[in-house]
Structures are given as structure tokens and as C-alpha cells.
Amino acid sequence: MADAYLSFIALCIFPPIFLLIFLKLILRPRPVRIPIKSRHVFITGGSRGIGLGLARQAAAEGARVTILARNLEQLQEAKTSIRLSTGVDVAIVSADVRDFEAVKEAVESASPIDVLICNQGVFSSGELVSQEIKEVKDMIDVNLVGSFNLVKAALPGMKNRSDRRPVSIAFMSSQAGQVGIYGYTAYGASKFGLKGLAEALQQEVISDDIHVSLIFPPETDTPSLAEEKERRPPLTSIIAASCNVMQVNEVVKKALNGIKSGSFLVSCNFKGFLALIGTAGTSPQRSYVMAFVEVISAGVVRIVAFCYLWSFYRSIEKWHTQKK
């Protein structure tokens, strides 16, 4: 009886230990810390919302900050707001991320960049059948192509930097870049695309000690969300009602902590954490503990995903039944 008990204990203890050791040995890239104090943090979409919050927090932590946006008046207001709250002056530059030459000029005028945060974004919900193709193209061009333009412009300086400490490129995605949601066909496509960009880019730049982060905020209490809610389809509102709205400062804290820890995938709340596990796929993972959690919980999270999908499709069925 004692032998059976010891065998059971060994069976419970040793496989997880071996798995942890195995994961620690094979995980790449290795863990890293990316300091931002006294370093240059370049943030797009920095005139309001999450971008403004990131700029304010980075400045408060001692970073040299540059914010980029299209609207010069809003940039001036953001600069004043940051100065009043932190006592720090940030640099501002006006450019359209869709225009590569304008982006290149802006980046070169601000170089060298230690942390590039591609936070720009346009957000418009609607059923694809009723959306204008220009609206779809604008989201793809700003959210996805704009990120390509920024990285393409910044990479030469980041690769050839004299300061050989680790640096970072971060992309602000969305939980709509993890899970397809009714009414977010175009927006979701523009954010899902960032994952492919980030995964391949990390392989291309790791030898230069450049580390990529992909951040997945949920709905966040920003001016853009308030504007979008007025136009979203009723079914989108019904499905999105299950998601809690986060405050900007909460998202900023999670995002900056993820960037500084070199995390590839960065979630901002518990539902985002579950989605992160369920959609991790072949994404890099630096933490062997987090990798262990992903491995052992993947099946359970898949069941949770089925439950959410059941809820989504049930809402769609009920909506269309009531309309008939």
C-alpha cells in the first residue's frame, strides 16, 4: 500500500518538474529586461487615449519621450498635459503613418529610438456588407500598413545603435486581434495581421537584441471608444456587453510592464489572459512558468472558448429570430 502511495506521489510530482525543466531549457528567446529610464521612447497615436497615457507614464519614469500623431493641435495639447502632470517636456511630431516618406522623416529627426510603440489606430465597427471599402482600407492602412512603415523606418537606427542595451518594438493590438467578433471584420483583420508581423519580425531582429511585444487591450475608456459605440451594430453591442471596459491607466501599466519585461504576448485582464493562452500557437514565450501554464491549461481554455462561442452564436440566432 505504501509503495502504491509513493508511486502515485511520484507520478504527480515528477512529470510536471520534468516538463518545467524541459521548457526552461528549450524556450527562446531568453528572458530580458528593457529599461526605459533615460532612454528614448517613441509613441505613435500619442496625442490621446492609451498613447497619451503611455507617454505620460514613460515620461514620469524618466524616459525621453516623442509622440507622433496627425493632428498638430492635439499634439500641442498632449504636450501641455504631460508637462503639467509630470513636469517633463516631450517632443512632438506630426505625420501620417500611411505615408512612409513622412514617417521616415519623422523617425530620422527623432533618432535614435530605444522603444518604439506602434499605438496608432482607427476603429470603426460595422457589418462588412454595409461598410464602404474606403473605411476598410483606412483601417488596414493605418493599423497594419502604418506599423510596417514605422518599423521599416526605425529598424536601421535601432540595429546600428551605439548603445547595445536591449531595445523594444511594441505593437498595440486588441482583444479583437485575438478573437473574431461580429461587426469587427475589418478592424479585427487589421489587428490579427499584427501577430504575423510581430512573430516573423522577432525572428529577424533577435540577433540585434531587439525584442518585440504584442499588446492586447480590451475595450478601454477612451474618446475613440465613445465615438465608436455610437455607430456600432446592435449585435456588436450585445456581444461586447460581456467584456468589462478598462481604464486607460490600467492598460498603460500592463502594457509598459510587458514591454519592460520583454514579454512577447501581453494581456491586460483575465479574459485577455485566457484568450492569450488559447491563441498562443507558435508565438515566442520567455517565461518557462507561463509556458507550463499554457501547456497544461490549453485543453481547458479551448472548452472555455467553445462556451464563449456558444454565447456569441446564441445571441446572433436570437437577434435574427426576433427580427423575423
C-alpha atoms as a PDB file:
ATOM      1  CA  MET A   1       0.000   0.000   0.000  1.00  0.00           C
ATOM      2  CA  ALA A   2       2.840   2.362   0.888  1.00  0.00           C
ATOM      3  CA  ASP A   3       4.584   1.584  -2.402  1.00  0.00           C
ATOM      4  CA  ALA A   4       1.430   2.388  -4.356  1.00  0.00           C
ATOM      5  CA  TYR A   5       1.042   5.656  -2.462  1.00  0.00           C
ATOM      6  CA  LEU A   6       4.672   6.638  -3.163  1.00  0.00           C
ATOM      7  CA  SER A   7       4.248   5.728  -6.819  1.00  0.00           C
ATOM      8  CA  PHE A   8       1.166   7.928  -7.031  1.00  0.00           C
ATOM      9  CA  ILE A   9       3.000  10.856  -5.401  1.00  0.00           C
ATOM     10  CA  ALA A  10       5.947  10.411  -7.765  1.00  0.00           C
ATOM     11  CA  LEU A  11       3.587  10.309 -10.753  1.00  0.00           C
ATOM     12  CA  CYS A  12       2.012  13.599  -9.625  1.00  0.00           C
ATOM     13  CA  ILE A  13       5.281  15.388  -8.873  1.00  0.00           C
ATOM     14  CA  PHE A  14       7.948  14.279 -11.332  1.00  0.00           C
ATOM     15  CA  PRO A  15       6.246  14.786 -14.749  1.00  0.00           C
ATOM     16  CA  PRO A  16       5.457  18.473 -14.013  1.00  0.00           C
ATOM     17  CA  ILE A  17       9.011  19.003 -12.737  1.00  0.00           C
ATOM     18  CA  PHE A  18      10.492  17.377 -15.841  1.00  0.00           C
ATOM     19  CA  LEU A  19       8.199  19.481 -18.044  1.00  0.00           C
ATOM     20  CA  LEU A  20       9.290  22.692 -16.280  1.00  0.00           C
ATOM     21  CA  ILE A  21      12.969  21.756 -16.691  1.00  0.00           C
ATOM     22  CA  PHE A  22      12.424  20.859 -20.366  1.00  0.00           C
ATOM     23  CA  LEU A  23      10.640  24.154 -21.055  1.00  0.00           C
ATOM     24  CA  LYS A  24      13.321  26.162 -19.278  1.00  0.00           C
ATOM     25  CA  LEU A  25      15.986  24.540 -21.465  1.00  0.00           C
ATOM     26  CA  ILE A  26      14.294  24.989 -24.845  1.00  0.00           C
ATOM     27  CA  LEU A  27      12.456  28.313 -24.608  1.00  0.00           C
ATOM     28  CA  ARG A  28      13.685  31.057 -26.907  1.00  0.00           C
ATOM     29  CA  PRO A  29      14.156  33.993 -26.805  1.00  0.00           C
ATOM     30  CA  ARG A  30      15.651  34.113 -23.316  1.00  0.00           C
ATOM     31  CA  PRO A  31      14.225  36.364 -20.557  1.00  0.00           C
ATOM     32  CA  VAL A  32      15.297  40.008 -20.769  1.00  0.00           C
ATOM     33  CA  ARG A  33      14.743  43.347 -19.034  1.00  0.00           C
ATOM     34  CA  ILE A  34      14.357  46.509 -21.108  1.00  0.00           C
ATOM     35  CA  PRO A  35      14.937  49.694 -19.107  1.00  0.00           C
ATOM     36  CA  ILE A  36      13.218  52.902 -20.201  1.00  0.00           C
ATOM     37  CA  LYS A  37      14.731  55.409 -17.775  1.00  0.00           C
ATOM     38  CA  SER A  38      16.925  57.934 -19.634  1.00  0.00           C
ATOM     39  CA  ARG A  39      16.077  56.208 -22.926  1.00  0.00           C
ATOM     40  CA  HIS A  40      14.110  57.358 -25.957  1.00  0.00           C
ATOM     41  CA  VAL A  41      10.535  56.093 -26.159  1.00  0.00           C
ATOM     42  CA  PHE A  42       8.754  56.900 -29.444  1.00  0.00           C
ATOM     43  CA  ILE A  43       4.959  56.519 -29.296  1.00  0.00           C
ATOM     44  CA  THR A  44       2.554  56.830 -32.206  1.00  0.00           C
ATOM     45  CA  GLY A  45      -1.062  57.783 -31.634  1.00  0.00           C
ATOM     46  CA  GLY A  46       0.335  59.641 -28.644  1.00  0.00           C
ATOM     47  CA  SER A  47      -1.982  62.645 -28.595  1.00  0.00           C
ATOM     48  CA  ARG A  48      -4.863  60.972 -26.729  1.00  0.00           C
ATOM     49  CA  GLY A  49      -6.190  57.771 -25.195  1.00  0.00           C
ATOM     50  CA  ILE A  50      -3.797  54.918 -24.482  1.00  0.00           C
ATOM     51  CA  GLY A  51      -0.960  56.610 -26.386  1.00  0.00           C
ATOM     52  CA  LEU A  52      -1.200  59.731 -24.260  1.00  0.00           C
ATOM     53  CA  GLY A  53      -1.315  57.589 -21.125  1.00  0.00           C
ATOM     54  CA  LEU A  54       1.791  55.674 -22.222  1.00  0.00           C
ATOM     55  CA  ALA A  55       3.641  58.921 -22.961  1.00  0.00           C
ATOM     56  CA  ARG A  56       2.715  60.384 -19.592  1.00  0.00           C
ATOM     57  CA  GLN A  57       3.796  57.268 -17.682  1.00  0.00           C
ATOM     58  CA  ALA A  58       7.044  56.842 -19.624  1.00  0.00           C
ATOM     59  CA  ALA A  59       7.919  60.491 -19.012  1.00  0.00           C
ATOM     60  CA  ALA A  60       7.146  60.062 -15.307  1.00  0.00           C
ATOM     61  CA  GLU A  61       9.540  57.084 -15.223  1.00  0.00           C
ATOM     62  CA  GLY A  62      12.368  59.183 -16.624  1.00  0.00           C
ATOM     63  CA  ALA A  63      12.201  58.333 -20.324  1.00  0.00           C
ATOM     64  CA  ARG A  64      12.832  60.825 -23.108  1.00  0.00           C
ATOM     65  CA  VAL A  65       9.539  60.716 -24.983  1.00  0.00           C
ATOM     66  CA  THR A  66       8.478  61.607 -28.517  1.00  0.00           C
ATOM     67  CA  ILE A  67       4.834  61.369 -29.533  1.00  0.00           C
ATOM     68  CA  LEU A  68       3.590  61.226 -33.109  1.00  0.00           C
ATOM     69  CA  ALA A  69       0.091  61.861 -34.427  1.00  0.00           C
ATOM     70  CA  ARG A  70      -1.562  63.564 -37.384  1.00  0.00           C
ATOM     71  CA  ASN A  71      -3.283  66.427 -35.575  1.00  0.00           C
ATOM     72  CA  LEU A  72      -0.742  69.070 -34.541  1.00  0.00           C
ATOM     73  CA  GLU A  73      -3.226  70.907 -32.315  1.00  0.00           C
ATOM     74  CA  GLN A  74      -3.972  67.741 -30.334  1.00  0.00           C
ATOM     75  CA  LEU A  75      -0.235  67.070 -30.079  1.00  0.00           C
ATOM     76  CA  GLN A  76       0.310  70.513 -28.558  1.00  0.00           C
ATOM     77  CA  GLU A  77      -2.495  69.879 -26.062  1.00  0.00           C
ATOM     78  CA  ALA A  78      -0.990  66.496 -25.169  1.00  0.00           C
ATOM     79  CA  LYS A  79       2.444  68.043 -24.669  1.00  0.00           C
ATOM     80  CA  THR A  80       0.979  70.648 -22.313  1.00  0.00           C
ATOM     81  CA  SER A  81      -0.987  67.980 -20.427  1.00  0.00           C
ATOM     82  CA  ILE A  82       2.124  65.845 -19.906  1.00  0.00           C
ATOM     83  CA  ARG A  83       4.167  68.832 -18.763  1.00  0.00           C
ATOM     84  CA  LEU A  84       1.516  69.810 -16.211  1.00  0.00           C
ATOM     85  CA  SER A  85       1.226  66.275 -14.801  1.00  0.00           C
ATOM     86  CA  THR A  86       4.889  65.245 -14.821  1.00  0.00           C
ATOM     87  CA  GLY A  87       6.939  68.417 -15.185  1.00  0.00           C
ATOM     88  CA  VAL A  88       8.592  66.835 -18.242  1.00  0.00           C
ATOM     89  CA  ASP A  89       8.619  68.190 -21.790  1.00  0.00           C
ATOM     90  CA  VAL A  90       8.041  65.660 -24.550  1.00  0.00           C
ATOM     91  CA  ALA A  91       8.881  66.094 -28.216  1.00  0.00           C
ATOM     92  CA  ILE A  92       6.031  66.111 -30.723  1.00  0.00           C
ATOM     93  CA  VAL A  93       5.976  65.340 -34.433  1.00  0.00           C
ATOM     94  CA  SER A  94       3.069  65.409 -36.867  1.00  0.00           C
ATOM     95  CA  ALA A  95       2.930  62.755 -39.589  1.00  0.00           C
ATOM     96  CA  ASP A  96       0.518  60.333 -41.222  1.00  0.00           C
ATOM     97  CA  VAL A  97       1.652  56.741 -40.625  1.00  0.00           C
ATOM     98  CA  ARG A  98       0.234  55.760 -44.022  1.00  0.00           C
ATOM     99  CA  ASP A  99       2.894  57.912 -45.705  1.00  0.00           C
ATOM    100  CA  PHE A 100       6.225  56.084 -45.499  1.00  0.00           C
ATOM    101  CA  GLU A 101       8.346  59.080 -46.520  1.00  0.00           C
ATOM    102  CA  ALA A 102       6.699  61.259 -43.861  1.00  0.00           C
ATOM    103  CA  VAL A 103       7.202  58.536 -41.258  1.00  0.00           C
ATOM    104  CA  LYS A 104      10.836  58.066 -42.272  1.00  0.00           C
ATOM    105  CA  GLU A 105      11.488  61.798 -41.940  1.00  0.00           C
ATOM    106  CA  ALA A 106       9.803  61.905 -38.527  1.00  0.00           C
ATOM    107  CA  VAL A 107      11.745  58.894 -37.236  1.00  0.00           C
ATOM    108  CA  GLU A 108      15.092  60.148 -38.527  1.00  0.00           C
ATOM    109  CA  SER A 109      14.519  63.540 -36.903  1.00  0.00           C
ATOM    110  CA  ALA A 110      13.904  61.812 -33.554  1.00  0.00           C
ATOM    111  CA  SER A 111      16.540  59.055 -33.674  1.00  0.00           C
ATOM    112  CA  PRO A 112      17.928  57.049 -32.031  1.00  0.00           C
ATOM    113  CA  ILE A 113      14.859  55.175 -30.743  1.00  0.00           C
ATOM    114  CA  ASP A 114      15.173  52.670 -27.895  1.00  0.00           C
ATOM    115  CA  VAL A 115      11.497  51.749 -27.522  1.00  0.00           C
ATOM    116  CA  LEU A 116       9.113  52.070 -30.468  1.00  0.00           C
ATOM    117  CA  ILE A 117       5.440  51.725 -29.534  1.00  0.00           C
ATOM    118  CA  CYS A 118       3.169  51.428 -32.587  1.00  0.00           C
ATOM    119  CA  ASN A 119      -0.032  52.557 -30.921  1.00  0.00           C
ATOM    120  CA  GLN A 120      -1.754  54.354 -33.816  1.00  0.00           C
ATOM    121  CA  GLY A 121      -5.168  53.068 -34.761  1.00  0.00           C
ATOM    122  CA  VAL A 122      -8.519  53.811 -36.321  1.00  0.00           C
ATOM    123  CA  PHE A 123     -11.519  51.906 -35.112  1.00  0.00           C
ATOM    124  CA  SER A 124     -14.858  51.551 -36.828  1.00  0.00           C
ATOM    125  CA  SER A 125     -17.318  48.714 -36.381  1.00  0.00           C
ATOM    126  CA  GLY A 126     -19.918  47.637 -38.883  1.00  0.00           C
ATOM    127  CA  GLU A 127     -21.110  44.661 -40.888  1.00  0.00           C
ATOM    128  CA  LEU A 128     -18.813  44.202 -43.864  1.00  0.00           C
ATOM    129  CA  VAL A 129     -21.720  44.215 -46.314  1.00  0.00           C
ATOM    130  CA  SER A 130     -22.587  47.791 -45.317  1.00  0.00           C
ATOM    131  CA  GLN A 131     -19.084  49.220 -44.853  1.00  0.00           C
ATOM    132  CA  GLU A 132     -17.536  51.351 -47.552  1.00  0.00           C
ATOM    133  CA  ILE A 133     -14.345  49.862 -48.969  1.00  0.00           C
ATOM    134  CA  LYS A 134     -12.565  53.136 -48.165  1.00  0.00           C
ATOM    135  CA  GLU A 135     -13.400  52.637 -44.486  1.00  0.00           C
ATOM    136  CA  VAL A 136     -11.989  49.102 -44.627  1.00  0.00           C
ATOM    137  CA  LYS A 137      -8.858  50.262 -46.435  1.00  0.00           C
ATOM    138  CA  ASP A 138      -8.275  53.089 -43.943  1.00  0.00           C
ATOM    139  CA  MET A 139      -8.248  50.624 -41.029  1.00  0.00           C
ATOM    140  CA  ILE A 140      -5.848  48.266 -42.803  1.00  0.00           C
ATOM    141  CA  ASP A 141      -3.606  51.140 -43.906  1.00  0.00           C
ATOM    142  CA  VAL A 142      -3.383  52.857 -40.509  1.00  0.00           C
ATOM    143  CA  ASN A 143      -3.421  49.870 -38.161  1.00  0.00           C
ATOM    144  CA  LEU A 144      -1.355  47.372 -40.145  1.00  0.00           C
ATOM    145  CA  VAL A 145       0.481  49.074 -43.024  1.00  0.00           C
ATOM    146  CA  GLY A 146       1.249  52.027 -40.742  1.00  0.00           C
ATOM    147  CA  SER A 147       3.022  49.643 -38.381  1.00  0.00           C
ATOM    148  CA  PHE A 148       5.093  48.256 -41.267  1.00  0.00           C
ATOM    149  CA  ASN A 149       6.036  51.831 -42.225  1.00  0.00           C
ATOM    150  CA  LEU A 150       7.110  52.681 -38.682  1.00  0.00           C
ATOM    151  CA  VAL A 151       9.197  49.544 -38.207  1.00  0.00           C
ATOM    152  CA  LYS A 152      10.763  49.857 -41.653  1.00  0.00           C
ATOM    153  CA  ALA A 153      11.742  53.463 -40.887  1.00  0.00           C
ATOM    154  CA  ALA A 154      13.037  52.788 -37.367  1.00  0.00           C
ATOM    155  CA  LEU A 155      14.901  49.496 -37.856  1.00  0.00           C
ATOM    156  CA  PRO A 156      18.127  50.822 -39.424  1.00  0.00           C
ATOM    157  CA  GLY A 157      18.735  53.150 -36.478  1.00  0.00           C
ATOM    158  CA  MET A 158      17.794  50.515 -33.914  1.00  0.00           C
ATOM    159  CA  LYS A 159      20.078  47.925 -35.499  1.00  0.00           C
ATOM    160  CA  ASN A 160      23.041  50.317 -35.740  1.00  0.00           C
ATOM    161  CA  ARG A 161      22.642  51.926 -32.317  1.00  0.00           C
ATOM    162  CA  SER A 162      25.758  52.710 -30.289  1.00  0.00           C
ATOM    163  CA  ASP A 163      24.044  51.804 -27.009  1.00  0.00           C
ATOM    164  CA  ARG A 164      23.984  47.994 -27.150  1.00  0.00           C
ATOM    165  CA  ARG A 165      21.476  47.510 -24.351  1.00  0.00           C
ATOM    166  CA  PRO A 166      18.297  45.659 -25.385  1.00  0.00           C
ATOM    167  CA  VAL A 167      15.628  47.696 -27.187  1.00  0.00           C
ATOM    168  CA  SER A 168      11.974  47.075 -27.974  1.00  0.00           C
ATOM    169  CA  ILE A 169       9.339  47.311 -30.684  1.00  0.00           C
ATOM    170  CA  ALA A 170       5.783  47.050 -29.356  1.00  0.00           C
ATOM    171  CA  PHE A 171       2.507  46.787 -31.256  1.00  0.00           C
ATOM    172  CA  MET A 172      -0.808  47.789 -29.738  1.00  0.00           C
ATOM    173  CA  SER A 173      -3.240  45.147 -30.957  1.00  0.00           C
ATOM    174  CA  SER A 174      -6.638  44.450 -29.358  1.00  0.00           C
ATOM    175  CA  GLN A 175      -8.643  41.577 -27.966  1.00  0.00           C
ATOM    176  CA  ALA A 176     -10.380  41.849 -31.344  1.00  0.00           C
ATOM    177  CA  GLY A 177      -6.976  40.783 -32.679  1.00  0.00           C
ATOM    178  CA  GLN A 178      -7.289  37.536 -30.723  1.00  0.00           C
ATOM    179  CA  VAL A 179     -10.951  36.639 -31.183  1.00  0.00           C
ATOM    180  CA  GLY A 180     -13.202  37.347 -34.160  1.00  0.00           C
ATOM    181  CA  ILE A 181     -16.194  39.466 -33.105  1.00  0.00           C
ATOM    182  CA  TYR A 182     -19.354  40.343 -35.025  1.00  0.00           C
ATOM    183  CA  GLY A 183     -19.036  43.790 -36.577  1.00  0.00           C
ATOM    184  CA  TYR A 184     -15.239  43.894 -36.320  1.00  0.00           C
ATOM    185  CA  THR A 185     -14.470  42.146 -39.607  1.00  0.00           C
ATOM    186  CA  ALA A 186     -12.172  44.841 -40.996  1.00  0.00           C
ATOM    187  CA  TYR A 187     -10.847  46.072 -37.664  1.00  0.00           C
ATOM    188  CA  GLY A 188     -10.139  42.518 -36.497  1.00  0.00           C
ATOM    189  CA  ALA A 189      -8.283  41.743 -39.731  1.00  0.00           C
ATOM    190  CA  SER A 190      -6.077  44.799 -39.254  1.00  0.00           C
ATOM    191  CA  LYS A 191      -5.211  43.669 -35.706  1.00  0.00           C
ATOM    192  CA  PHE A 192      -4.881  39.928 -36.406  1.00  0.00           C
ATOM    193  CA  GLY A 193      -2.304  40.863 -39.045  1.00  0.00           C
ATOM    194  CA  LEU A 194      -0.082  42.395 -36.374  1.00  0.00           C
ATOM    195  CA  LYS A 195       0.511  38.971 -34.858  1.00  0.00           C
ATOM    196  CA  GLY A 196       2.018  37.589 -38.045  1.00  0.00           C
ATOM    197  CA  LEU A 197       4.121  40.726 -38.397  1.00  0.00           C
ATOM    198  CA  ALA A 198       5.326  40.519 -34.788  1.00  0.00           C
ATOM    199  CA  GLU A 199       6.152  36.789 -34.828  1.00  0.00           C
ATOM    200  CA  ALA A 200       8.222  36.958 -38.010  1.00  0.00           C
ATOM    201  CA  LEU A 201       9.839  40.259 -37.050  1.00  0.00           C
ATOM    202  CA  GLN A 202      11.025  38.872 -33.708  1.00  0.00           C
ATOM    203  CA  GLN A 203      12.960  36.173 -35.536  1.00  0.00           C
ATOM    204  CA  GLU A 204      14.525  38.750 -37.866  1.00  0.00           C
ATOM    205  CA  VAL A 205      15.699  41.149 -35.135  1.00  0.00           C
ATOM    206  CA  ILE A 206      16.557  38.940 -32.149  1.00  0.00           C
ATOM    207  CA  SER A 207      20.239  38.785 -33.152  1.00  0.00           C
ATOM    208  CA  ASP A 208      20.334  42.591 -32.734  1.00  0.00           C
ATOM    209  CA  ASP A 209      18.920  42.329 -29.203  1.00  0.00           C
ATOM    210  CA  ILE A 210      15.636  43.874 -30.358  1.00  0.00           C
ATOM    211  CA  HIS A 211      12.605  42.462 -28.558  1.00  0.00           C
ATOM    212  CA  VAL A 212       9.038  42.521 -29.834  1.00  0.00           C
ATOM    213  CA  SER A 213       5.879  42.842 -27.742  1.00  0.00           C
ATOM    214  CA  LEU A 214       2.270  42.429 -28.859  1.00  0.00           C
ATOM    215  CA  ILE A 215      -0.269  44.005 -26.507  1.00  0.00           C
ATOM    216  CA  PHE A 216      -3.961  43.050 -26.368  1.00  0.00           C
ATOM    217  CA  PRO A 217      -6.044  45.665 -24.548  1.00  0.00           C
ATOM    218  CA  PRO A 218      -9.789  45.090 -24.173  1.00  0.00           C
ATOM    219  CA  GLU A 219     -12.303  47.887 -24.659  1.00  0.00           C
ATOM    220  CA  THR A 220     -10.702  50.885 -22.976  1.00  0.00           C
ATOM    221  CA  ASP A 221     -12.387  54.068 -21.778  1.00  0.00           C
ATOM    222  CA  THR A 222     -11.028  56.425 -24.446  1.00  0.00           C
ATOM    223  CA  PRO A 223     -12.553  59.083 -26.719  1.00  0.00           C
ATOM    224  CA  SER A 224     -12.283  56.632 -29.640  1.00  0.00           C
ATOM    225  CA  LEU A 225     -14.429  54.042 -27.819  1.00  0.00           C
ATOM    226  CA  ALA A 226     -17.113  56.614 -27.029  1.00  0.00           C
ATOM    227  CA  GLU A 227     -17.235  57.629 -30.691  1.00  0.00           C
ATOM    228  CA  GLU A 228     -17.341  54.025 -31.923  1.00  0.00           C
ATOM    229  CA  LYS A 229     -20.143  52.990 -29.573  1.00  0.00           C
ATOM    230  CA  GLU A 230     -22.472  55.472 -31.237  1.00  0.00           C
ATOM    231  CA  ARG A 231     -22.060  53.716 -34.607  1.00  0.00           C
ATOM    232  CA  ARG A 232     -21.645  50.028 -33.767  1.00  0.00           C
ATOM    233  CA  PRO A 233     -24.257  47.458 -34.852  1.00  0.00           C
ATOM    234  CA  PRO A 234     -26.712  46.339 -32.120  1.00  0.00           C
ATOM    235  CA  LEU A 235     -25.369  42.772 -32.209  1.00  0.00           C
ATOM    236  CA  THR A 236     -21.849  44.017 -31.629  1.00  0.00           C
ATOM    237  CA  SER A 237     -23.085  45.858 -28.538  1.00  0.00           C
ATOM    238  CA  ILE A 238     -24.819  42.712 -27.273  1.00  0.00           C
ATOM    239  CA  ILE A 239     -21.713  40.536 -27.696  1.00  0.00           C
ATOM    240  CA  ALA A 240     -19.326  43.195 -26.367  1.00  0.00           C
ATOM    241  CA  ALA A 241     -21.507  43.667 -23.268  1.00  0.00           C
ATOM    242  CA  SER A 242     -19.814  40.599 -21.749  1.00  0.00           C
ATOM    243  CA  CYS A 243     -16.472  42.454 -21.722  1.00  0.00           C
ATOM    244  CA  ASN A 244     -15.567  44.903 -18.968  1.00  0.00           C
ATOM    245  CA  VAL A 245     -14.229  48.296 -20.021  1.00  0.00           C
ATOM    246  CA  MET A 246     -10.764  49.043 -18.615  1.00  0.00           C
ATOM    247  CA  GLN A 247      -9.417  52.445 -17.661  1.00  0.00           C
ATOM    248  CA  VAL A 248      -6.516  53.914 -19.601  1.00  0.00           C
ATOM    249  CA  ASN A 249      -4.141  53.936 -16.623  1.00  0.00           C
ATOM    250  CA  GLU A 250      -4.760  50.206 -16.041  1.00  0.00           C
ATOM    251  CA  VAL A 251      -3.938  49.347 -19.661  1.00  0.00           C
ATOM    252  CA  VAL A 252      -0.877  51.605 -19.606  1.00  0.00           C
ATOM    253  CA  LYS A 253       0.517  49.870 -16.525  1.00  0.00           C
ATOM    254  CA  LYS A 254       0.061  46.393 -18.037  1.00  0.00           C
ATOM    255  CA  ALA A 255       1.470  47.465 -21.403  1.00  0.00           C
ATOM    256  CA  LEU A 256       4.601  49.147 -20.040  1.00  0.00           C
ATOM    257  CA  ASN A 257       5.302  46.291 -17.638  1.00  0.00           C
ATOM    258  CA  GLY A 258       5.025  43.859 -20.547  1.00  0.00           C
ATOM    259  CA  ILE A 259       7.394  45.913 -22.687  1.00  0.00           C
ATOM    260  CA  LYS A 260       9.966  46.287 -19.896  1.00  0.00           C
ATOM    261  CA  SER A 261       9.895  42.539 -19.207  1.00  0.00           C
ATOM    262  CA  GLY A 262      10.338  41.753 -22.908  1.00  0.00           C
ATOM    263  CA  SER A 263       7.110  39.725 -22.977  1.00  0.00           C
ATOM    264  CA  PHE A 264       6.020  38.832 -26.498  1.00  0.00           C
ATOM    265  CA  LEU A 265       2.306  38.459 -25.698  1.00  0.00           C
ATOM    266  CA  VAL A 266       0.875  40.953 -23.209  1.00  0.00           C
ATOM    267  CA  SER A 267      -2.673  40.613 -21.869  1.00  0.00           C
ATOM    268  CA  CYS A 268      -4.395  43.307 -19.846  1.00  0.00           C
ATOM    269  CA  ASN A 269      -7.150  41.449 -17.951  1.00  0.00           C
ATOM    270  CA  PHE A 270      -8.240  37.908 -17.060  1.00  0.00           C
ATOM    271  CA  LYS A 271     -10.313  37.327 -20.203  1.00  0.00           C
ATOM    272  CA  GLY A 272      -7.389  38.552 -22.257  1.00  0.00           C
ATOM    273  CA  PHE A 273      -5.138  36.141 -20.375  1.00  0.00           C
ATOM    274  CA  LEU A 274      -7.433  33.223 -21.283  1.00  0.00           C
ATOM    275  CA  ALA A 275      -7.510  34.379 -24.908  1.00  0.00           C
ATOM    276  CA  LEU A 276      -3.728  34.662 -24.847  1.00  0.00           C
ATOM    277  CA  ILE A 277      -3.395  31.020 -23.758  1.00  0.00           C
ATOM    278  CA  GLY A 278      -5.975  29.889 -26.286  1.00  0.00           C
ATOM    279  CA  THR A 279      -4.366  31.695 -29.209  1.00  0.00           C
ATOM    280  CA  ALA A 280      -0.658  31.480 -28.306  1.00  0.00           C
ATOM    281  CA  GLY A 281       0.061  28.966 -31.070  1.00  0.00           C
ATOM    282  CA  THR A 282       3.700  29.295 -32.158  1.00  0.00           C
ATOM    283  CA  SER A 283       4.261  32.683 -30.511  1.00  0.00           C
ATOM    284  CA  PRO A 284       7.508  33.048 -28.539  1.00  0.00           C
ATOM    285  CA  GLN A 285       7.354  32.654 -24.758  1.00  0.00           C
ATOM    286  CA  ARG A 286      10.207  33.755 -22.487  1.00  0.00           C
ATOM    287  CA  SER A 287       8.782  32.557 -19.156  1.00  0.00           C
ATOM    288  CA  TYR A 288       9.010  28.816 -18.593  1.00  0.00           C
ATOM    289  CA  VAL A 289       6.379  29.143 -15.851  1.00  0.00           C
ATOM    290  CA  MET A 290       3.962  30.816 -18.251  1.00  0.00           C
ATOM    291  CA  ALA A 291       4.825  28.215 -20.897  1.00  0.00           C
ATOM    292  CA  PHE A 292       3.972  25.494 -18.364  1.00  0.00           C
ATOM    293  CA  VAL A 293       0.606  27.157 -17.709  1.00  0.00           C
ATOM    294  CA  GLU A 294      -0.067  27.354 -21.452  1.00  0.00           C
ATOM    295  CA  VAL A 295       0.728  23.675 -21.965  1.00  0.00           C
ATOM    296  CA  ILE A 296      -1.321  22.248 -19.097  1.00  0.00           C
ATOM    297  CA  SER A 297      -4.317  24.567 -19.479  1.00  0.00           C
ATOM    298  CA  ALA A 298      -4.677  24.649 -23.273  1.00  0.00           C
ATOM    299  CA  GLY A 299      -7.404  21.980 -23.336  1.00  0.00           C
ATOM    300  CA  VAL A 300      -9.457  23.616 -20.601  1.00  0.00           C
ATOM    301  CA  VAL A 301      -9.148  27.039 -22.240  1.00  0.00           C
ATOM    302  CA  ARG A 302     -10.364  25.537 -25.519  1.00  0.00           C
ATOM    303  CA  ILE A 303     -13.510  24.373 -23.714  1.00  0.00           C
ATOM    304  CA  VAL A 304     -13.956  27.885 -22.285  1.00  0.00           C
ATOM    305  CA  ALA A 305     -13.608  29.250 -25.824  1.00  0.00           C
ATOM    306  CA  PHE A 306     -16.378  26.916 -27.007  1.00  0.00           C
ATOM    307  CA  CYS A 307     -18.601  28.311 -24.256  1.00  0.00           C
ATOM    308  CA  TYR A 308     -17.929  31.883 -25.364  1.00  0.00           C
ATOM    309  CA  LEU A 309     -18.601  30.966 -28.985  1.00  0.00           C
ATOM    310  CA  TRP A 310     -21.845  29.309 -27.968  1.00  0.00           C
ATOM    311  CA  SER A 311     -22.845  32.559 -26.274  1.00  0.00           C
ATOM    312  CA  PHE A 312     -21.901  34.619 -29.354  1.00  0.00           C
ATOM    313  CA  TYR A 313     -23.795  32.438 -31.815  1.00  0.00           C
ATOM    314  CA  ARG A 314     -26.766  32.126 -29.462  1.00  0.00           C
ATOM    315  CA  SER A 315     -27.012  35.923 -29.350  1.00  0.00           C
ATOM    316  CA  ILE A 316     -26.847  36.081 -33.158  1.00  0.00           C
ATOM    317  CA  GLU A 317     -29.586  33.425 -33.516  1.00  0.00           C
ATOM    318  CA  LYS A 318     -31.868  35.173 -31.036  1.00  0.00           C
ATOM    319  CA  TRP A 319     -31.352  38.533 -32.710  1.00  0.00           C
ATOM    320  CA  HIS A 320     -32.254  37.253 -36.163  1.00  0.00           C
ATOM    321  CA  THR A 321     -35.223  35.274 -34.815  1.00  0.00           C
ATOM    322  CA  GLN A 322     -36.645  38.420 -33.199  1.00  0.00           C
ATOM    323  CA  LYS A 323     -36.190  40.384 -36.431  1.00  0.00           C
ATOM    324  CA  LYS A 324     -38.275  37.917 -38.453  1.00  0.00           C
END
